[in-house]
Amino acid sequence: MKKAMLFLSLLLASFGTAQNIHDEYNITVHARSSYIVYSNGGSSQYLDVVIEGKRFQLSAPDNGYLLALGDYKAKLVKDDHKTPYESIRMFEFQFPDKRTRKFTVTGQSE
C-alpha cells in the first residue's frame, strides 16, 4: 500500500512539474522599437521585436505608457494556423515585477 501511495505521489508531482515547465516564460523577446499609434477609435502600442532571430511587429491596446526597449521574457499563448500560410500568434510578456501583458503578432519580416 505504501509503495502504491509513493508511486501515485511521484506521478502527480511529475504532472505538476511538466505543467510548470510548459507555463514558464522561456522565450526572450528583444524590443528594438516601441511606439504608439493614435487613431479616431483610440490608440495601440506597437513593438518591433526579434524573437529567436526572426523579426516581428507586435501590438497591444495602448495603456498610456511606452514600453522601454530591451529584453523581456515571454511565452507563446496562442498559435493558431487556419491554413499552412496563415496564422494568429500571441505572446504574453512577464515583466520584472511579475505583471503580464499580451501582444499579438501583427507583422513579420525577413
N, C-alpha and C. Protein backbone atom coordinates (compact mmCIF):
# COMPACT_ATOMS: atom_id res chain seq x y z
N MET A 1 0.82 -1.20 0.00
CA MET A 1 0.00 0.00 0.00
C MET A 1 0.86 1.26 0.00
N LYS A 2 1.94 1.25 0.82
CA LYS A 2 2.82 2.40 0.88
C LYS A 2 3.49 2.66 -0.47
N LYS A 3 3.87 1.56 -1.15
CA LYS A 3 4.50 1.72 -2.46
C LYS A 3 3.53 2.34 -3.47
N ALA A 4 2.27 1.93 -3.40
CA ALA A 4 1.27 2.48 -4.31
C ALA A 4 1.06 3.97 -4.05
N MET A 5 1.03 4.37 -2.80
CA MET A 5 0.87 5.79 -2.45
C MET A 5 2.09 6.60 -2.90
N LEU A 6 3.29 6.03 -2.71
CA LEU A 6 4.51 6.71 -3.14
C LEU A 6 4.50 6.88 -4.66
N PHE A 7 4.14 5.82 -5.38
CA PHE A 7 4.07 5.89 -6.84
C PHE A 7 3.07 6.95 -7.29
N LEU A 8 1.89 6.97 -6.67
CA LEU A 8 0.87 7.95 -7.03
C LEU A 8 1.35 9.37 -6.75
N SER A 9 2.01 9.56 -5.62
CA SER A 9 2.54 10.89 -5.28
C SER A 9 3.58 11.35 -6.30
N LEU A 10 4.49 10.45 -6.67
CA LEU A 10 5.51 10.80 -7.66
C LEU A 10 4.89 11.08 -9.03
N LEU A 11 3.89 10.31 -9.39
CA LEU A 11 3.21 10.50 -10.66
C LEU A 11 2.53 11.87 -10.72
N LEU A 12 1.82 12.22 -9.67
CA LEU A 12 1.15 13.52 -9.62
C LEU A 12 2.16 14.66 -9.60
N ALA A 13 3.26 14.49 -8.91
CA ALA A 13 4.29 15.53 -8.86
C ALA A 13 4.91 15.74 -10.24
N SER A 14 5.08 14.65 -10.99
CA SER A 14 5.67 14.80 -12.33
C SER A 14 4.73 15.56 -13.25
N PHE A 15 3.40 15.35 -13.12
CA PHE A 15 2.45 16.12 -13.93
C PHE A 15 2.52 17.59 -13.57
N GLY A 16 2.63 17.90 -12.29
CA GLY A 16 2.74 19.29 -11.85
C GLY A 16 3.99 19.95 -12.38
N THR A 17 5.11 19.22 -12.38
CA THR A 17 6.37 19.76 -12.88
C THR A 17 6.27 20.00 -14.38
N ALA A 18 5.69 19.07 -15.10
CA ALA A 18 5.55 19.25 -16.56
C ALA A 18 4.70 20.48 -16.86
N GLN A 19 3.65 20.70 -16.10
CA GLN A 19 2.80 21.88 -16.31
C GLN A 19 3.58 23.15 -16.02
N ASN A 20 4.39 23.16 -14.95
CA ASN A 20 5.18 24.35 -14.62
C ASN A 20 6.19 24.67 -15.71
N ILE A 21 6.83 23.63 -16.26
CA ILE A 21 7.81 23.87 -17.33
C ILE A 21 7.10 24.46 -18.54
N HIS A 22 5.90 23.94 -18.86
CA HIS A 22 5.15 24.44 -20.01
C HIS A 22 4.75 25.90 -19.83
N ASP A 23 4.48 26.30 -18.60
CA ASP A 23 3.99 27.65 -18.34
C ASP A 23 5.10 28.68 -18.16
N GLU A 24 6.34 28.27 -18.14
CA GLU A 24 7.43 29.21 -17.92
C GLU A 24 7.55 30.20 -19.07
N TYR A 25 8.02 31.35 -18.73
CA TYR A 25 8.29 32.40 -19.72
C TYR A 25 9.71 32.16 -20.24
N ASN A 26 9.85 31.24 -21.18
CA ASN A 26 11.17 30.81 -21.61
C ASN A 26 11.58 31.34 -22.98
N ILE A 27 10.85 32.31 -23.50
CA ILE A 27 11.20 32.94 -24.78
C ILE A 27 11.72 34.34 -24.48
N THR A 28 12.87 34.67 -25.06
CA THR A 28 13.41 36.02 -24.91
C THR A 28 12.98 36.86 -26.10
N VAL A 29 12.35 37.99 -25.81
CA VAL A 29 11.90 38.92 -26.85
C VAL A 29 12.74 40.18 -26.70
N HIS A 30 13.40 40.58 -27.77
CA HIS A 30 14.18 41.82 -27.75
C HIS A 30 13.39 42.92 -28.46
N ALA A 31 12.95 43.92 -27.70
CA ALA A 31 12.21 45.05 -28.26
C ALA A 31 13.21 46.04 -28.85
N ARG A 32 13.13 46.24 -30.17
CA ARG A 32 14.04 47.14 -30.89
C ARG A 32 13.45 48.54 -31.04
N SER A 33 12.12 48.62 -31.13
CA SER A 33 11.45 49.93 -31.17
C SER A 33 10.10 49.79 -30.53
N SER A 34 9.60 50.90 -30.00
CA SER A 34 8.33 50.92 -29.29
C SER A 34 7.63 52.22 -29.63
N TYR A 35 6.38 52.15 -30.06
CA TYR A 35 5.68 53.37 -30.42
C TYR A 35 4.17 53.19 -30.26
N ILE A 36 3.49 54.31 -30.16
CA ILE A 36 2.04 54.32 -30.00
C ILE A 36 1.44 54.98 -31.23
N VAL A 37 0.41 54.36 -31.78
CA VAL A 37 -0.27 54.91 -32.94
C VAL A 37 -1.67 55.33 -32.50
N TYR A 38 -1.96 56.62 -32.73
CA TYR A 38 -3.26 57.17 -32.35
C TYR A 38 -4.17 57.20 -33.58
N SER A 39 -5.43 56.84 -33.36
CA SER A 39 -6.42 56.92 -34.44
C SER A 39 -7.73 57.41 -33.84
N ASN A 40 -8.72 57.60 -34.68
CA ASN A 40 -10.02 58.09 -34.20
C ASN A 40 -10.65 57.15 -33.18
N GLY A 41 -10.41 55.86 -33.33
CA GLY A 41 -11.02 54.88 -32.43
C GLY A 41 -10.22 54.60 -31.18
N GLY A 42 -9.10 55.27 -30.97
CA GLY A 42 -8.26 55.01 -29.81
C GLY A 42 -6.80 54.93 -30.19
N SER A 43 -6.05 54.14 -29.46
CA SER A 43 -4.63 54.02 -29.76
C SER A 43 -4.15 52.61 -29.43
N SER A 44 -3.07 52.23 -30.09
CA SER A 44 -2.45 50.93 -29.88
C SER A 44 -0.95 51.11 -29.73
N GLN A 45 -0.35 50.23 -28.96
CA GLN A 45 1.11 50.23 -28.84
C GLN A 45 1.67 49.19 -29.78
N TYR A 46 2.75 49.54 -30.47
CA TYR A 46 3.41 48.63 -31.39
C TYR A 46 4.86 48.46 -30.98
N LEU A 47 5.35 47.24 -31.17
CA LEU A 47 6.74 46.92 -30.89
C LEU A 47 7.34 46.25 -32.12
N ASP A 48 8.55 46.64 -32.47
CA ASP A 48 9.34 45.89 -33.44
C ASP A 48 10.30 45.06 -32.61
N VAL A 49 10.21 43.73 -32.76
CA VAL A 49 10.96 42.83 -31.89
C VAL A 49 11.72 41.78 -32.69
N VAL A 50 12.66 41.14 -32.00
CA VAL A 50 13.34 39.97 -32.53
C VAL A 50 13.07 38.83 -31.56
N ILE A 51 12.54 37.73 -32.11
CA ILE A 51 12.25 36.53 -31.33
C ILE A 51 12.92 35.37 -32.04
N GLU A 52 13.86 34.74 -31.36
CA GLU A 52 14.59 33.60 -31.92
C GLU A 52 15.16 33.92 -33.29
N GLY A 53 15.72 35.12 -33.43
CA GLY A 53 16.37 35.54 -34.67
C GLY A 53 15.44 36.02 -35.77
N LYS A 54 14.13 36.01 -35.52
CA LYS A 54 13.17 36.45 -36.52
C LYS A 54 12.55 37.78 -36.10
N ARG A 55 12.26 38.63 -37.09
CA ARG A 55 11.70 39.95 -36.81
C ARG A 55 10.17 39.94 -36.91
N PHE A 56 9.55 40.54 -35.89
CA PHE A 56 8.09 40.62 -35.84
C PHE A 56 7.66 42.01 -35.40
N GLN A 57 6.44 42.36 -35.74
CA GLN A 57 5.78 43.54 -35.18
C GLN A 57 4.67 43.01 -34.29
N LEU A 58 4.63 43.50 -33.06
CA LEU A 58 3.61 43.10 -32.10
C LEU A 58 2.75 44.31 -31.76
N SER A 59 1.50 44.07 -31.38
CA SER A 59 0.65 45.18 -30.96
C SER A 59 -0.18 44.76 -29.75
N ALA A 60 -0.59 45.78 -29.01
CA ALA A 60 -1.47 45.60 -27.85
C ALA A 60 -2.25 46.90 -27.69
N PRO A 61 -3.40 46.81 -27.03
CA PRO A 61 -4.10 48.06 -26.73
C PRO A 61 -3.20 48.98 -25.91
N ASP A 62 -3.24 50.25 -26.21
CA ASP A 62 -2.39 51.23 -25.53
C ASP A 62 -2.81 51.37 -24.07
N ASN A 63 -1.83 51.32 -23.17
CA ASN A 63 -2.13 51.52 -21.75
C ASN A 63 -1.65 52.88 -21.26
N GLY A 64 -1.25 53.75 -22.20
CA GLY A 64 -0.83 55.10 -21.84
C GLY A 64 0.66 55.25 -21.60
N TYR A 65 1.40 54.14 -21.59
CA TYR A 65 2.83 54.20 -21.32
C TYR A 65 3.60 53.50 -22.43
N LEU A 66 4.73 54.07 -22.79
CA LEU A 66 5.59 53.50 -23.82
C LEU A 66 6.49 52.44 -23.19
N LEU A 67 6.52 51.25 -23.75
CA LEU A 67 7.36 50.18 -23.23
C LEU A 67 8.82 50.47 -23.56
N ALA A 68 9.68 50.31 -22.57
CA ALA A 68 11.13 50.55 -22.75
C ALA A 68 11.71 49.48 -23.67
N LEU A 69 12.78 49.85 -24.37
CA LEU A 69 13.48 48.91 -25.24
C LEU A 69 14.30 47.95 -24.39
N GLY A 70 14.55 46.77 -24.93
CA GLY A 70 15.36 45.79 -24.22
C GLY A 70 14.78 44.40 -24.31
N ASP A 71 15.28 43.51 -23.47
CA ASP A 71 14.87 42.12 -23.47
C ASP A 71 13.77 41.87 -22.45
N TYR A 72 12.81 41.03 -22.85
CA TYR A 72 11.70 40.65 -21.99
C TYR A 72 11.51 39.14 -22.08
N LYS A 73 11.03 38.54 -21.01
CA LYS A 73 10.69 37.13 -21.01
C LYS A 73 9.24 37.00 -21.45
N ALA A 74 8.96 35.97 -22.25
CA ALA A 74 7.61 35.79 -22.78
C ALA A 74 7.31 34.31 -22.96
N LYS A 75 6.04 34.05 -23.19
CA LYS A 75 5.62 32.71 -23.57
C LYS A 75 4.58 32.85 -24.68
N LEU A 76 4.53 31.85 -25.53
CA LEU A 76 3.55 31.81 -26.62
C LEU A 76 2.24 31.30 -26.04
N VAL A 77 1.20 32.12 -26.10
CA VAL A 77 -0.09 31.73 -25.52
C VAL A 77 -1.13 31.39 -26.58
N LYS A 78 -0.87 31.75 -27.83
CA LYS A 78 -1.79 31.41 -28.91
C LYS A 78 -0.98 31.21 -30.18
N ASP A 79 -1.25 30.12 -30.88
CA ASP A 79 -0.54 29.81 -32.12
C ASP A 79 -1.49 29.01 -33.01
N ASP A 80 -2.44 29.71 -33.61
CA ASP A 80 -3.45 29.07 -34.46
C ASP A 80 -3.07 29.22 -35.93
N HIS A 81 -3.23 28.15 -36.67
CA HIS A 81 -2.94 28.15 -38.10
C HIS A 81 -4.19 27.74 -38.86
N LYS A 82 -4.82 28.73 -39.50
CA LYS A 82 -6.02 28.46 -40.30
C LYS A 82 -5.66 27.61 -41.52
N THR A 83 -4.56 27.95 -42.13
CA THR A 83 -4.02 27.23 -43.29
C THR A 83 -2.51 27.16 -43.10
N PRO A 84 -1.80 26.44 -43.97
CA PRO A 84 -0.34 26.39 -43.84
C PRO A 84 0.34 27.77 -44.03
N TYR A 85 -0.38 28.73 -44.60
CA TYR A 85 0.22 30.04 -44.87
C TYR A 85 -0.43 31.18 -44.10
N GLU A 86 -1.36 30.90 -43.18
CA GLU A 86 -2.00 31.94 -42.37
C GLU A 86 -1.95 31.53 -40.90
N SER A 87 -1.69 32.52 -40.04
CA SER A 87 -1.64 32.19 -38.62
C SER A 87 -2.02 33.39 -37.75
N ILE A 88 -2.37 33.09 -36.52
CA ILE A 88 -2.58 34.09 -35.48
C ILE A 88 -1.72 33.67 -34.31
N ARG A 89 -0.84 34.56 -33.87
CA ARG A 89 0.04 34.25 -32.75
C ARG A 89 -0.05 35.35 -31.70
N MET A 90 0.06 34.95 -30.44
CA MET A 90 0.03 35.91 -29.34
C MET A 90 1.07 35.50 -28.30
N PHE A 91 1.83 36.49 -27.84
CA PHE A 91 2.82 36.27 -26.79
C PHE A 91 2.39 37.01 -25.54
N GLU A 92 2.67 36.41 -24.39
CA GLU A 92 2.43 37.09 -23.12
C GLU A 92 3.79 37.41 -22.51
N PHE A 93 4.03 38.70 -22.28
CA PHE A 93 5.27 39.14 -21.65
C PHE A 93 5.11 39.08 -20.14
N GLN A 94 6.19 38.71 -19.45
CA GLN A 94 6.21 38.82 -18.00
C GLN A 94 7.30 39.82 -17.65
N PHE A 95 6.91 40.88 -16.98
CA PHE A 95 7.82 41.96 -16.62
C PHE A 95 8.52 41.64 -15.30
N PRO A 96 9.59 42.34 -14.97
CA PRO A 96 10.33 42.05 -13.74
C PRO A 96 9.48 42.07 -12.47
N ASP A 97 8.41 42.87 -12.45
CA ASP A 97 7.54 42.91 -11.27
C ASP A 97 6.45 41.84 -11.31
N LYS A 98 6.59 40.88 -12.25
CA LYS A 98 5.68 39.74 -12.43
C LYS A 98 4.33 40.09 -13.06
N ARG A 99 4.12 41.37 -13.42
CA ARG A 99 2.91 41.71 -14.18
C ARG A 99 3.07 41.17 -15.58
N THR A 100 1.94 40.96 -16.27
CA THR A 100 1.98 40.41 -17.62
C THR A 100 1.17 41.28 -18.57
N ARG A 101 1.46 41.12 -19.85
CA ARG A 101 0.72 41.83 -20.89
C ARG A 101 0.81 41.03 -22.17
N LYS A 102 -0.31 40.93 -22.88
CA LYS A 102 -0.36 40.15 -24.11
C LYS A 102 -0.18 41.04 -25.33
N PHE A 103 0.60 40.54 -26.28
CA PHE A 103 0.86 41.22 -27.54
C PHE A 103 0.56 40.26 -28.68
N THR A 104 -0.14 40.75 -29.69
CA THR A 104 -0.50 39.97 -30.86
C THR A 104 0.50 40.26 -31.98
N VAL A 105 0.89 39.22 -32.70
CA VAL A 105 1.78 39.40 -33.86
C VAL A 105 0.96 40.03 -34.96
N THR A 106 1.39 41.23 -35.40
CA THR A 106 0.67 41.94 -36.46
C THR A 106 1.53 42.11 -37.71
N GLY A 107 2.77 41.64 -37.66
CA GLY A 107 3.64 41.74 -38.82
C GLY A 107 4.87 40.86 -38.64
N GLN A 108 5.46 40.50 -39.76
CA GLN A 108 6.72 39.75 -39.75
C GLN A 108 7.54 40.16 -40.95
N SER A 109 8.85 40.06 -40.81
CA SER A 109 9.73 40.43 -41.92
C SER A 109 10.99 39.59 -41.87
N GLU A 110 11.71 39.61 -42.98
CA GLU A 110 12.96 38.85 -43.05
C GLU A 110 14.13 39.78 -42.85
